[in-house]
Amino acid sequence: MIAHFSGGEMSDQDKSSVNFKKRFEKAYPHLKEFTAFLMEMNQETDRGAALVAATLIEELLKRCLLAFMVDNKGAKGLFDGMNAPLHGFSSRIAAAYGLGLISNEEYEDCQIIRKVRNEFAHTLGTNYENKKIIGLCANLHGSAKPYGDGQVNTREQFSTAAVALILNLTNRPHYIGRKRLTYEEWQR
């Protein structure tokens, strides 16, 4: 975990964390957004963690879809505005899955994360001890599982599944872009 600084003198451990972060981002510049997400996610409330993770997954699905579509105004217009067909999280999940850009397990985890996000967004006082949230998170494919004497609470199940999905989707637009659609002259 990368430390949070509030000013003043940094400990040797804090300096080491900053140096590691700088070296990591230099070696893997495409993961800079991912490391920023991890820092933010670790500092969030239960509600904030669900909203931040879902928002980034929704954005990554948009990037995957745009990487596959013909690069034109029509494709971009599918995402712009409240009434755009691919404006919402649910429609992006369905489109990415229908086009084969995400796996069945990724599709199911996206759907669960969307439902968890909706519970937190629309129900006051929701937390990871809520029975509905517990039931949803228990079905996440990418979540950490109990090991030995170690237990994994519901927030940890959600967080590990969201992080795994985000990491999978971070580079996906690059690879999808290799198979980008192009306009083809159709027979008349």
C-alpha atoms as a PDB file:
ATOM      1  CA  MET A   1       0.000   0.000   0.000  1.00  0.00           C
ATOM      2  CA  ILE A   2       1.205   3.502  -0.770  1.00  0.00           C
ATOM      3  CA  ALA A   3       1.220   5.894   2.179  1.00  0.00           C
ATOM      4  CA  HIS A   4      -0.879   9.029   2.447  1.00  0.00           C
ATOM      5  CA  PHE A   5       0.985  12.197   3.422  1.00  0.00           C
ATOM      6  CA  SER A   6      -0.412  15.151   5.292  1.00  0.00           C
ATOM      7  CA  GLY A   7       2.733  17.257   5.348  1.00  0.00           C
ATOM      8  CA  GLY A   8       5.727  17.456   7.639  1.00  0.00           C
ATOM      9  CA  GLU A   9       8.675  15.074   7.722  1.00  0.00           C
ATOM     10  CA  MET A  10       8.359  11.756   5.953  1.00  0.00           C
ATOM     11  CA  SER A  11       9.546   8.587   7.616  1.00  0.00           C
ATOM     12  CA  ASP A  12      12.033   6.341   5.837  1.00  0.00           C
ATOM     13  CA  GLN A  13       9.163   3.950   5.084  1.00  0.00           C
ATOM     14  CA  ASP A  14       7.126   6.798   3.526  1.00  0.00           C
ATOM     15  CA  LYS A  15      10.128   7.876   1.426  1.00  0.00           C
ATOM     16  CA  SER A  16      10.585   4.279   0.299  1.00  0.00           C
ATOM     17  CA  SER A  17       6.903   4.099  -0.708  1.00  0.00           C
ATOM     18  CA  VAL A  18       7.187   7.305  -2.726  1.00  0.00           C
ATOM     19  CA  ASN A  19      10.345   6.043  -4.460  1.00  0.00           C
ATOM     20  CA  PHE A  20       8.657   2.711  -5.237  1.00  0.00           C
ATOM     21  CA  LYS A  21       5.632   4.515  -6.685  1.00  0.00           C
ATOM     22  CA  LYS A  22       7.854   6.711  -8.887  1.00  0.00           C
ATOM     23  CA  ARG A  23       9.870   3.716 -10.134  1.00  0.00           C
ATOM     24  CA  PHE A  24       6.699   1.702 -10.743  1.00  0.00           C
ATOM     25  CA  GLU A  25       5.002   4.491 -12.716  1.00  0.00           C
ATOM     26  CA  LYS A  26       8.156   5.058 -14.761  1.00  0.00           C
ATOM     27  CA  ALA A  27       8.408   1.358 -15.620  1.00  0.00           C
ATOM     28  CA  TYR A  28       4.659   0.961 -16.249  1.00  0.00           C
ATOM     29  CA  PRO A  29       3.240   4.354 -17.274  1.00  0.00           C
ATOM     30  CA  HIS A  30       0.032   2.742 -18.538  1.00  0.00           C
ATOM     31  CA  LEU A  31      -0.736   1.704 -14.924  1.00  0.00           C
ATOM     32  CA  LYS A  32      -0.552   5.230 -13.485  1.00  0.00           C
ATOM     33  CA  GLU A  33      -4.352   5.524 -13.446  1.00  0.00           C
ATOM     34  CA  PHE A  34      -4.568   2.100 -11.793  1.00  0.00           C
ATOM     35  CA  THR A  35      -2.193   3.069  -8.957  1.00  0.00           C
ATOM     36  CA  ALA A  36      -4.135   6.306  -8.421  1.00  0.00           C
ATOM     37  CA  PHE A  37      -7.339   4.264  -8.245  1.00  0.00           C
ATOM     38  CA  LEU A  38      -5.806   1.921  -5.640  1.00  0.00           C
ATOM     39  CA  MET A  39      -4.770   4.840  -3.466  1.00  0.00           C
ATOM     40  CA  GLU A  40      -8.234   6.384  -3.680  1.00  0.00           C
ATOM     41  CA  MET A  41     -10.040   3.075  -3.129  1.00  0.00           C
ATOM     42  CA  ASN A  42      -8.031   2.339   0.033  1.00  0.00           C
ATOM     43  CA  GLN A  43      -9.087   5.674   1.543  1.00  0.00           C
ATOM     44  CA  GLU A  44     -12.784   5.460   0.642  1.00  0.00           C
ATOM     45  CA  THR A  45     -15.795   4.730   2.786  1.00  0.00           C
ATOM     46  CA  ASP A  46     -17.841   1.645   1.961  1.00  0.00           C
ATOM     47  CA  ARG A  47     -20.103   3.706  -0.301  1.00  0.00           C
ATOM     48  CA  GLY A  48     -17.168   5.526  -1.890  1.00  0.00           C
ATOM     49  CA  ALA A  49     -15.339   2.272  -2.651  1.00  0.00           C
ATOM     50  CA  ALA A  50     -18.359   0.869  -4.489  1.00  0.00           C
ATOM     51  CA  LEU A  51     -18.922   4.076  -6.459  1.00  0.00           C
ATOM     52  CA  VAL A  52     -15.260   4.651  -7.372  1.00  0.00           C
ATOM     53  CA  ALA A  53     -14.697   1.052  -8.507  1.00  0.00           C
ATOM     54  CA  ALA A  54     -17.886   0.934 -10.580  1.00  0.00           C
ATOM     55  CA  THR A  55     -17.131   4.294 -12.201  1.00  0.00           C
ATOM     56  CA  LEU A  56     -13.685   3.173 -13.329  1.00  0.00           C
ATOM     57  CA  ILE A  57     -15.013  -0.152 -14.656  1.00  0.00           C
ATOM     58  CA  GLU A  58     -17.721   1.719 -16.573  1.00  0.00           C
ATOM     59  CA  GLU A  59     -15.060   3.994 -18.109  1.00  0.00           C
ATOM     60  CA  LEU A  60     -12.814   1.050 -19.006  1.00  0.00           C
ATOM     61  CA  LEU A  61     -15.720  -0.679 -20.758  1.00  0.00           C
ATOM     62  CA  LYS A  62     -16.254   2.503 -22.776  1.00  0.00           C
ATOM     63  CA  ARG A  63     -12.584   2.473 -23.780  1.00  0.00           C
ATOM     64  CA  CYS A  64     -12.826  -1.182 -24.802  1.00  0.00           C
ATOM     65  CA  LEU A  65     -15.895  -0.527 -26.933  1.00  0.00           C
ATOM     66  CA  LEU A  66     -14.383   2.541 -28.587  1.00  0.00           C
ATOM     67  CA  ALA A  67     -11.171   0.619 -29.297  1.00  0.00           C
ATOM     68  CA  PHE A  68     -13.229  -1.943 -31.215  1.00  0.00           C
ATOM     69  CA  MET A  69     -15.576   0.366 -33.105  1.00  0.00           C
ATOM     70  CA  VAL A  70     -14.847   2.263 -36.278  1.00  0.00           C
ATOM     71  CA  ASP A  71     -13.122   5.487 -35.244  1.00  0.00           C
ATOM     72  CA  ASN A  72     -15.753   8.036 -36.235  1.00  0.00           C
ATOM     73  CA  LYS A  73     -18.300  10.502 -34.831  1.00  0.00           C
ATOM     74  CA  GLY A  74     -21.041   7.870 -34.954  1.00  0.00           C
ATOM     75  CA  ALA A  75     -19.199   5.568 -32.570  1.00  0.00           C
ATOM     76  CA  LYS A  76     -18.386   8.393 -30.161  1.00  0.00           C
ATOM     77  CA  GLY A  77     -22.002   9.579 -30.320  1.00  0.00           C
ATOM     78  CA  LEU A  78     -23.175   6.274 -28.892  1.00  0.00           C
ATOM     79  CA  PHE A  79     -21.709   7.361 -25.537  1.00  0.00           C
ATOM     80  CA  ASP A  80     -22.525  11.103 -25.459  1.00  0.00           C
ATOM     81  CA  GLY A  81     -25.574  12.463 -23.671  1.00  0.00           C
ATOM     82  CA  MET A  82     -28.086  10.980 -21.251  1.00  0.00           C
ATOM     83  CA  ASN A  83     -30.118   9.300 -24.010  1.00  0.00           C
ATOM     84  CA  ALA A  84     -27.134   7.802 -25.831  1.00  0.00           C
ATOM     85  CA  PRO A  85     -27.492   4.026 -26.230  1.00  0.00           C
ATOM     86  CA  LEU A  86     -24.168   3.273 -24.499  1.00  0.00           C
ATOM     87  CA  HIS A  87     -24.291   6.025 -21.891  1.00  0.00           C
ATOM     88  CA  GLY A  88     -25.051   3.721 -18.952  1.00  0.00           C
ATOM     89  CA  PHE A  89     -23.088   1.043 -17.160  1.00  0.00           C
ATOM     90  CA  SER A  90     -25.628  -1.697 -17.928  1.00  0.00           C
ATOM     91  CA  SER A  91     -25.643  -1.051 -21.671  1.00  0.00           C
ATOM     92  CA  ARG A  92     -21.839  -0.943 -21.797  1.00  0.00           C
ATOM     93  CA  ILE A  93     -21.637  -4.287 -20.002  1.00  0.00           C
ATOM     94  CA  ALA A  94     -24.143  -5.847 -22.412  1.00  0.00           C
ATOM     95  CA  ALA A  95     -22.415  -4.414 -25.499  1.00  0.00           C
ATOM     96  CA  ALA A  96     -18.918  -5.484 -24.409  1.00  0.00           C
ATOM     97  CA  TYR A  97     -20.161  -8.984 -23.627  1.00  0.00           C
ATOM     98  CA  GLY A  98     -22.226  -9.250 -26.803  1.00  0.00           C
ATOM     99  CA  LEU A  99     -19.213  -8.258 -28.905  1.00  0.00           C
ATOM    100  CA  GLY A 100     -16.940 -10.751 -27.133  1.00  0.00           C
ATOM    101  CA  LEU A 101     -14.766  -8.079 -25.517  1.00  0.00           C
ATOM    102  CA  ILE A 102     -15.234  -9.451 -21.993  1.00  0.00           C
ATOM    103  CA  SER A 103     -15.513 -13.048 -20.784  1.00  0.00           C
ATOM    104  CA  ASN A 104     -18.544 -14.646 -19.163  1.00  0.00           C
ATOM    105  CA  GLU A 105     -16.964 -14.326 -15.694  1.00  0.00           C
ATOM    106  CA  GLU A 106     -16.058 -10.676 -16.330  1.00  0.00           C
ATOM    107  CA  TYR A 107     -19.624 -10.054 -17.512  1.00  0.00           C
ATOM    108  CA  GLU A 108     -21.062 -11.612 -14.344  1.00  0.00           C
ATOM    109  CA  ASP A 109     -18.665  -9.664 -12.093  1.00  0.00           C
ATOM    110  CA  CYS A 110     -19.514  -6.420 -13.911  1.00  0.00           C
ATOM    111  CA  GLN A 111     -23.214  -7.098 -13.342  1.00  0.00           C
ATOM    112  CA  ILE A 112     -22.667  -7.804  -9.633  1.00  0.00           C
ATOM    113  CA  ILE A 113     -20.481  -4.715  -9.179  1.00  0.00           C
ATOM    114  CA  ARG A 114     -23.162  -2.646 -10.947  1.00  0.00           C
ATOM    115  CA  LYS A 115     -25.827  -4.008  -8.579  1.00  0.00           C
ATOM    116  CA  VAL A 116     -23.643  -3.320  -5.522  1.00  0.00           C
ATOM    117  CA  ARG A 117     -23.012   0.214  -6.813  1.00  0.00           C
ATOM    118  CA  ASN A 118     -26.755   0.730  -7.240  1.00  0.00           C
ATOM    119  CA  GLU A 119     -27.464  -0.463  -3.699  1.00  0.00           C
ATOM    120  CA  PHE A 120     -24.960   2.025  -2.290  1.00  0.00           C
ATOM    121  CA  ALA A 121     -26.126   4.832  -4.596  1.00  0.00           C
ATOM    122  CA  HIS A 122     -29.831   4.442  -3.928  1.00  0.00           C
ATOM    123  CA  THR A 123     -30.124   3.109  -0.357  1.00  0.00           C
ATOM    124  CA  LEU A 124     -29.060   5.257   2.579  1.00  0.00           C
ATOM    125  CA  GLY A 125     -27.115   3.508   5.311  1.00  0.00           C
ATOM    126  CA  THR A 126     -26.028   0.609   3.107  1.00  0.00           C
ATOM    127  CA  ASN A 127     -22.761  -1.065   4.033  1.00  0.00           C
ATOM    128  CA  TYR A 128     -20.959  -4.333   3.384  1.00  0.00           C
ATOM    129  CA  GLU A 129     -22.829  -5.984   6.280  1.00  0.00           C
ATOM    130  CA  ASN A 130     -26.149  -5.595   4.403  1.00  0.00           C
ATOM    131  CA  LYS A 131     -27.570  -9.057   3.559  1.00  0.00           C
ATOM    132  CA  LYS A 132     -28.186  -8.130  -0.078  1.00  0.00           C
ATOM    133  CA  ILE A 133     -24.601  -6.861  -0.483  1.00  0.00           C
ATOM    134  CA  ILE A 134     -23.218  -9.969   1.244  1.00  0.00           C
ATOM    135  CA  GLY A 135     -25.199 -12.206  -1.128  1.00  0.00           C
ATOM    136  CA  LEU A 136     -24.047 -10.306  -4.202  1.00  0.00           C
ATOM    137  CA  CYS A 137     -20.374 -10.219  -3.215  1.00  0.00           C
ATOM    138  CA  ALA A 138     -20.365 -13.935  -2.372  1.00  0.00           C
ATOM    139  CA  ASN A 139     -20.899 -14.605  -6.092  1.00  0.00           C
ATOM    140  CA  LEU A 140     -17.981 -12.531  -7.404  1.00  0.00           C
ATOM    141  CA  HIS A 141     -15.635 -14.716  -9.446  1.00  0.00           C
ATOM    142  CA  GLY A 142     -12.560 -12.543  -9.020  1.00  0.00           C
ATOM    143  CA  SER A 143     -12.778 -12.069  -5.259  1.00  0.00           C
ATOM    144  CA  ALA A 144     -10.283 -13.292  -2.692  1.00  0.00           C
ATOM    145  CA  LYS A 145     -11.398 -16.485  -0.992  1.00  0.00           C
ATOM    146  CA  PRO A 146     -10.841 -17.558   2.630  1.00  0.00           C
ATOM    147  CA  TYR A 147      -7.514 -19.308   3.084  1.00  0.00           C
ATOM    148  CA  GLY A 148      -6.268 -21.316   6.057  1.00  0.00           C
ATOM    149  CA  ASP A 149      -7.375 -19.454   9.149  1.00  0.00           C
ATOM    150  CA  GLY A 150      -7.716 -16.213   7.173  1.00  0.00           C
ATOM    151  CA  GLN A 151     -11.187 -14.875   6.531  1.00  0.00           C
ATOM    152  CA  VAL A 152     -12.228 -12.473   3.781  1.00  0.00           C
ATOM    153  CA  ASN A 153     -14.951 -10.010   4.690  1.00  0.00           C
ATOM    154  CA  THR A 154     -17.513  -8.718   2.207  1.00  0.00           C
ATOM    155  CA  ARG A 155     -15.707  -5.444   1.490  1.00  0.00           C
ATOM    156  CA  GLU A 156     -12.517  -7.394   0.808  1.00  0.00           C
ATOM    157  CA  GLN A 157     -14.437  -9.703  -1.541  1.00  0.00           C
ATOM    158  CA  PHE A 158     -15.793  -6.674  -3.401  1.00  0.00           C
ATOM    159  CA  SER A 159     -12.459  -4.831  -3.455  1.00  0.00           C
ATOM    160  CA  THR A 160     -10.373  -7.755  -4.674  1.00  0.00           C
ATOM    161  CA  ALA A 161     -12.872  -8.623  -7.414  1.00  0.00           C
ATOM    162  CA  ALA A 162     -13.103  -4.976  -8.540  1.00  0.00           C
ATOM    163  CA  VAL A 163      -9.315  -4.576  -8.554  1.00  0.00           C
ATOM    164  CA  ALA A 164      -8.853  -7.824 -10.514  1.00  0.00           C
ATOM    165  CA  LEU A 165     -11.460  -6.749 -13.075  1.00  0.00           C
ATOM    166  CA  ILE A 166      -9.970  -3.265 -13.402  1.00  0.00           C
ATOM    167  CA  LEU A 167      -6.493  -4.686 -13.862  1.00  0.00           C
ATOM    168  CA  ASN A 168      -7.815  -7.056 -16.565  1.00  0.00           C
ATOM    169  CA  LEU A 169      -9.561  -4.201 -18.369  1.00  0.00           C
ATOM    170  CA  THR A 170      -6.740  -1.648 -18.072  1.00  0.00           C
ATOM    171  CA  ASN A 171      -4.741  -2.975 -21.041  1.00  0.00           C
ATOM    172  CA  ARG A 172      -7.679  -4.528 -22.874  1.00  0.00           C
ATOM    173  CA  PRO A 173      -8.382  -1.518 -25.154  1.00  0.00           C
ATOM    174  CA  HIS A 174      -4.825  -1.811 -26.520  1.00  0.00           C
ATOM    175  CA  TYR A 175      -5.365  -5.435 -27.528  1.00  0.00           C
ATOM    176  CA  ILE A 176      -8.920  -4.881 -28.745  1.00  0.00           C
ATOM    177  CA  GLY A 177      -7.647  -2.012 -30.910  1.00  0.00           C
ATOM    178  CA  ARG A 178      -5.651  -4.530 -32.942  1.00  0.00           C
ATOM    179  CA  LYS A 179      -8.978  -5.905 -34.201  1.00  0.00           C
ATOM    180  CA  ARG A 180     -10.706  -2.548 -34.642  1.00  0.00           C
ATOM    181  CA  LEU A 181     -13.557  -2.554 -37.084  1.00  0.00           C
ATOM    182  CA  THR A 182     -13.148  -0.632 -40.304  1.00  0.00           C
ATOM    183  CA  TYR A 183     -15.676   0.597 -42.778  1.00  0.00           C
ATOM    184  CA  GLU A 184     -16.148  -1.759 -45.660  1.00  0.00           C
ATOM    185  CA  GLU A 185     -17.673  -1.052 -49.062  1.00  0.00           C
ATOM    186  CA  TRP A 186     -20.816  -3.169 -49.166  1.00  0.00           C
ATOM    187  CA  GLN A 187     -22.157  -4.680 -52.345  1.00  0.00           C
ATOM    188  CA  ARG A 188     -25.120  -2.858 -53.813  1.00  0.00           C
END
